[in-house]
Amino acid sequence: MSPYLARMVSGAAAAAAVVAARRAAEVGWQRWHGSAPPRAADVRTDADLRDLLVWSAVVVGAVTVARKLAVSRAERLLDVDDD
């Protein structure tokens, strides 16, 4: 397979993984807290800031792991060499 096509497929897999991870984090947050994830504009107290920081860490972690797994799995399926 062409390395350009392989990069496009890996990029598409990464993008889909990012969207899925963010949505999964939103659903998990809503189930855990019973409300929508916090936004920076809504921060009024220390508790709001804490929730925003926790939300940010959850999203960054989920997106990073999902993207890494999606790209590595796509490359393995496409049998891409880095040469």
N, C-alpha and C. Protein backbone atom coordinates (compact mmCIF):
# COMPACT_ATOMS: atom_id res chain seq x y z
N MET A 1 0.85 -1.18 0.00
CA MET A 1 0.00 0.00 0.00
C MET A 1 0.89 1.24 0.00
N SER A 2 0.43 2.24 -0.67
CA SER A 2 1.15 3.50 -0.75
C SER A 2 1.29 4.12 0.64
N PRO A 3 2.47 4.65 0.95
CA PRO A 3 2.65 5.27 2.28
C PRO A 3 1.73 6.48 2.48
N TYR A 4 1.39 7.17 1.40
CA TYR A 4 0.48 8.32 1.52
C TYR A 4 -0.93 7.86 1.88
N LEU A 5 -1.36 6.80 1.23
CA LEU A 5 -2.68 6.25 1.52
C LEU A 5 -2.71 5.71 2.95
N ALA A 6 -1.64 5.07 3.35
CA ALA A 6 -1.57 4.55 4.71
C ALA A 6 -1.64 5.68 5.73
N ARG A 7 -0.99 6.80 5.47
CA ARG A 7 -1.06 7.94 6.38
C ARG A 7 -2.47 8.52 6.43
N MET A 8 -3.13 8.54 5.29
CA MET A 8 -4.50 9.06 5.25
C MET A 8 -5.44 8.16 6.06
N VAL A 9 -5.27 6.86 5.93
CA VAL A 9 -6.10 5.92 6.68
C VAL A 9 -5.80 6.04 8.17
N SER A 10 -4.53 6.14 8.52
CA SER A 10 -4.16 6.30 9.93
C SER A 10 -4.71 7.61 10.49
N GLY A 11 -4.65 8.66 9.71
CA GLY A 11 -5.20 9.94 10.15
C GLY A 11 -6.70 9.89 10.34
N ALA A 12 -7.39 9.21 9.44
CA ALA A 12 -8.84 9.07 9.57
C ALA A 12 -9.19 8.24 10.81
N ALA A 13 -8.42 7.19 11.05
CA ALA A 13 -8.65 6.37 12.24
C ALA A 13 -8.41 7.18 13.50
N ALA A 14 -7.37 8.01 13.49
CA ALA A 14 -7.08 8.85 14.66
C ALA A 14 -8.19 9.86 14.90
N ALA A 15 -8.69 10.47 13.83
CA ALA A 15 -9.76 11.46 13.96
C ALA A 15 -11.03 10.81 14.50
N ALA A 16 -11.37 9.64 14.00
CA ALA A 16 -12.55 8.94 14.49
C ALA A 16 -12.38 8.55 15.95
N ALA A 17 -11.19 8.13 16.32
CA ALA A 17 -10.93 7.75 17.71
C ALA A 17 -11.05 8.95 18.65
N VAL A 18 -10.58 10.11 18.19
CA VAL A 18 -10.66 11.32 19.01
C VAL A 18 -12.13 11.69 19.26
N VAL A 19 -12.93 11.65 18.21
CA VAL A 19 -14.35 11.98 18.35
C VAL A 19 -15.03 10.99 19.29
N ALA A 20 -14.75 9.71 19.11
CA ALA A 20 -15.37 8.68 19.96
C ALA A 20 -14.93 8.81 21.41
N ALA A 21 -13.65 9.08 21.64
CA ALA A 21 -13.14 9.21 23.01
C ALA A 21 -13.75 10.41 23.71
N ARG A 22 -13.86 11.52 23.01
CA ARG A 22 -14.46 12.70 23.62
C ARG A 22 -15.93 12.46 23.95
N ARG A 23 -16.63 11.83 23.03
CA ARG A 23 -18.05 11.55 23.29
C ARG A 23 -18.20 10.58 24.46
N ALA A 24 -17.36 9.57 24.53
CA ALA A 24 -17.41 8.62 25.64
C ALA A 24 -17.12 9.33 26.96
N ALA A 25 -16.17 10.26 26.96
CA ALA A 25 -15.86 11.02 28.17
C ALA A 25 -17.05 11.88 28.58
N GLU A 26 -17.72 12.49 27.61
CA GLU A 26 -18.90 13.31 27.91
C GLU A 26 -20.01 12.47 28.53
N VAL A 27 -20.27 11.31 27.95
CA VAL A 27 -21.32 10.44 28.48
C VAL A 27 -20.95 9.97 29.89
N GLY A 28 -19.71 9.58 30.08
CA GLY A 28 -19.26 9.15 31.40
C GLY A 28 -19.38 10.26 32.43
N TRP A 29 -19.01 11.48 32.05
CA TRP A 29 -19.11 12.61 32.97
C TRP A 29 -20.58 12.86 33.33
N GLN A 30 -21.46 12.83 32.35
CA GLN A 30 -22.88 13.08 32.62
C GLN A 30 -23.47 12.01 33.53
N ARG A 31 -23.06 10.78 33.36
CA ARG A 31 -23.56 9.71 34.23
C ARG A 31 -22.99 9.84 35.64
N TRP A 32 -21.74 10.23 35.75
CA TRP A 32 -21.09 10.32 37.05
C TRP A 32 -21.58 11.54 37.83
N HIS A 33 -21.66 12.69 37.17
CA HIS A 33 -22.02 13.94 37.85
C HIS A 33 -23.47 14.34 37.68
N GLY A 34 -24.15 13.80 36.71
CA GLY A 34 -25.53 14.16 36.48
C GLY A 34 -25.70 15.51 35.78
N SER A 35 -24.61 16.04 35.24
CA SER A 35 -24.68 17.32 34.52
C SER A 35 -23.69 17.29 33.36
N ALA A 36 -23.83 18.29 32.51
CA ALA A 36 -22.92 18.39 31.36
C ALA A 36 -21.51 18.69 31.84
N PRO A 37 -20.50 18.34 31.04
CA PRO A 37 -19.12 18.66 31.41
C PRO A 37 -18.94 20.17 31.58
N PRO A 38 -18.03 20.57 32.46
CA PRO A 38 -17.83 22.00 32.71
C PRO A 38 -17.20 22.72 31.52
N ARG A 39 -17.46 24.02 31.47
CA ARG A 39 -16.85 24.88 30.46
C ARG A 39 -16.08 25.98 31.18
N ALA A 40 -15.07 26.49 30.55
CA ALA A 40 -14.24 27.52 31.17
C ALA A 40 -15.06 28.76 31.52
N ALA A 41 -16.04 29.09 30.71
CA ALA A 41 -16.86 30.27 30.95
C ALA A 41 -17.73 30.13 32.19
N ASP A 42 -17.94 28.90 32.65
CA ASP A 42 -18.82 28.65 33.79
C ASP A 42 -18.09 28.63 35.13
N VAL A 43 -16.78 28.80 35.14
CA VAL A 43 -16.00 28.70 36.39
C VAL A 43 -16.26 29.93 37.25
N ARG A 44 -16.81 29.68 38.44
CA ARG A 44 -17.09 30.76 39.39
C ARG A 44 -16.45 30.51 40.76
N THR A 45 -16.29 29.23 41.11
CA THR A 45 -15.76 28.87 42.42
C THR A 45 -14.57 27.92 42.26
N ASP A 46 -13.94 27.64 43.41
CA ASP A 46 -12.84 26.68 43.39
C ASP A 46 -13.32 25.28 42.98
N ALA A 47 -14.51 24.92 43.38
CA ALA A 47 -15.06 23.61 43.01
C ALA A 47 -15.28 23.54 41.50
N ASP A 48 -15.74 24.63 40.91
CA ASP A 48 -15.91 24.68 39.45
C ASP A 48 -14.56 24.53 38.75
N LEU A 49 -13.56 25.19 39.29
CA LEU A 49 -12.22 25.10 38.70
C LEU A 49 -11.68 23.68 38.82
N ARG A 50 -11.89 23.06 39.98
CA ARG A 50 -11.45 21.67 40.17
C ARG A 50 -12.13 20.76 39.16
N ASP A 51 -13.43 20.91 38.99
CA ASP A 51 -14.16 20.09 38.02
C ASP A 51 -13.63 20.31 36.60
N LEU A 52 -13.34 21.55 36.26
CA LEU A 52 -12.82 21.86 34.93
C LEU A 52 -11.45 21.21 34.72
N LEU A 53 -10.59 21.25 35.73
CA LEU A 53 -9.27 20.63 35.61
C LEU A 53 -9.37 19.11 35.50
N VAL A 54 -10.26 18.52 36.28
CA VAL A 54 -10.46 17.07 36.20
C VAL A 54 -11.01 16.69 34.83
N TRP A 55 -11.99 17.46 34.36
CA TRP A 55 -12.56 17.21 33.03
C TRP A 55 -11.49 17.29 31.95
N SER A 56 -10.65 18.31 32.03
CA SER A 56 -9.58 18.47 31.04
C SER A 56 -8.63 17.28 31.05
N ALA A 57 -8.26 16.83 32.24
CA ALA A 57 -7.35 15.69 32.35
C ALA A 57 -8.00 14.42 31.80
N VAL A 58 -9.27 14.23 32.08
CA VAL A 58 -9.98 13.04 31.58
C VAL A 58 -10.02 13.04 30.06
N VAL A 59 -10.37 14.18 29.48
CA VAL A 59 -10.47 14.27 28.02
C VAL A 59 -9.10 14.08 27.37
N VAL A 60 -8.09 14.74 27.89
CA VAL A 60 -6.75 14.62 27.30
C VAL A 60 -6.26 13.18 27.39
N GLY A 61 -6.46 12.54 28.52
CA GLY A 61 -6.04 11.15 28.67
C GLY A 61 -6.78 10.22 27.72
N ALA A 62 -8.10 10.37 27.66
CA ALA A 62 -8.90 9.50 26.79
C ALA A 62 -8.55 9.70 25.32
N VAL A 63 -8.38 10.94 24.91
CA VAL A 63 -8.07 11.23 23.51
C VAL A 63 -6.67 10.72 23.15
N THR A 64 -5.72 10.91 24.03
CA THR A 64 -4.35 10.46 23.77
C THR A 64 -4.29 8.95 23.62
N VAL A 65 -4.91 8.23 24.53
CA VAL A 65 -4.89 6.77 24.47
C VAL A 65 -5.64 6.27 23.23
N ALA A 66 -6.81 6.84 22.97
CA ALA A 66 -7.60 6.40 21.82
C ALA A 66 -6.86 6.66 20.52
N ARG A 67 -6.24 7.83 20.40
CA ARG A 67 -5.51 8.16 19.17
C ARG A 67 -4.34 7.21 18.97
N LYS A 68 -3.58 6.96 20.02
CA LYS A 68 -2.42 6.07 19.92
C LYS A 68 -2.84 4.66 19.52
N LEU A 69 -3.90 4.16 20.16
CA LEU A 69 -4.37 2.82 19.82
C LEU A 69 -4.89 2.75 18.39
N ALA A 70 -5.62 3.76 17.96
CA ALA A 70 -6.18 3.75 16.61
C ALA A 70 -5.08 3.79 15.55
N VAL A 71 -4.09 4.65 15.74
CA VAL A 71 -3.01 4.76 14.75
C VAL A 71 -2.18 3.49 14.71
N SER A 72 -1.83 2.96 15.88
CA SER A 72 -1.01 1.75 15.88
C SER A 72 -1.77 0.56 15.29
N ARG A 73 -3.06 0.47 15.58
CA ARG A 73 -3.86 -0.62 15.02
C ARG A 73 -4.02 -0.47 13.50
N ALA A 74 -4.25 0.75 13.04
CA ALA A 74 -4.37 0.99 11.60
C ALA A 74 -3.07 0.65 10.88
N GLU A 75 -1.95 1.06 11.46
CA GLU A 75 -0.66 0.76 10.84
C GLU A 75 -0.39 -0.74 10.82
N ARG A 76 -0.79 -1.42 11.88
CA ARG A 76 -0.58 -2.87 11.93
C ARG A 76 -1.47 -3.55 10.88
N LEU A 77 -2.70 -3.10 10.74
CA LEU A 77 -3.59 -3.69 9.73
C LEU A 77 -3.10 -3.42 8.31
N LEU A 78 -2.52 -2.24 8.10
CA LEU A 78 -2.03 -1.87 6.78
C LEU A 78 -0.62 -2.38 6.52
N ASP A 79 0.01 -2.90 7.57
CA ASP A 79 1.38 -3.41 7.49
C ASP A 79 2.33 -2.34 6.94
N VAL A 80 2.37 -1.20 7.59
CA VAL A 80 3.18 -0.06 7.17
C VAL A 80 4.58 -0.19 7.76
N ASP A 81 5.58 -0.01 6.89
CA ASP A 81 6.97 0.04 7.34
C ASP A 81 7.39 1.49 7.41
N ASP A 82 8.23 1.81 8.40
CA ASP A 82 8.71 3.19 8.55
C ASP A 82 9.97 3.47 7.77
N ASP A 83 10.32 2.62 6.86
CA ASP A 83 11.56 2.80 6.09
C ASP A 83 11.46 3.92 5.12
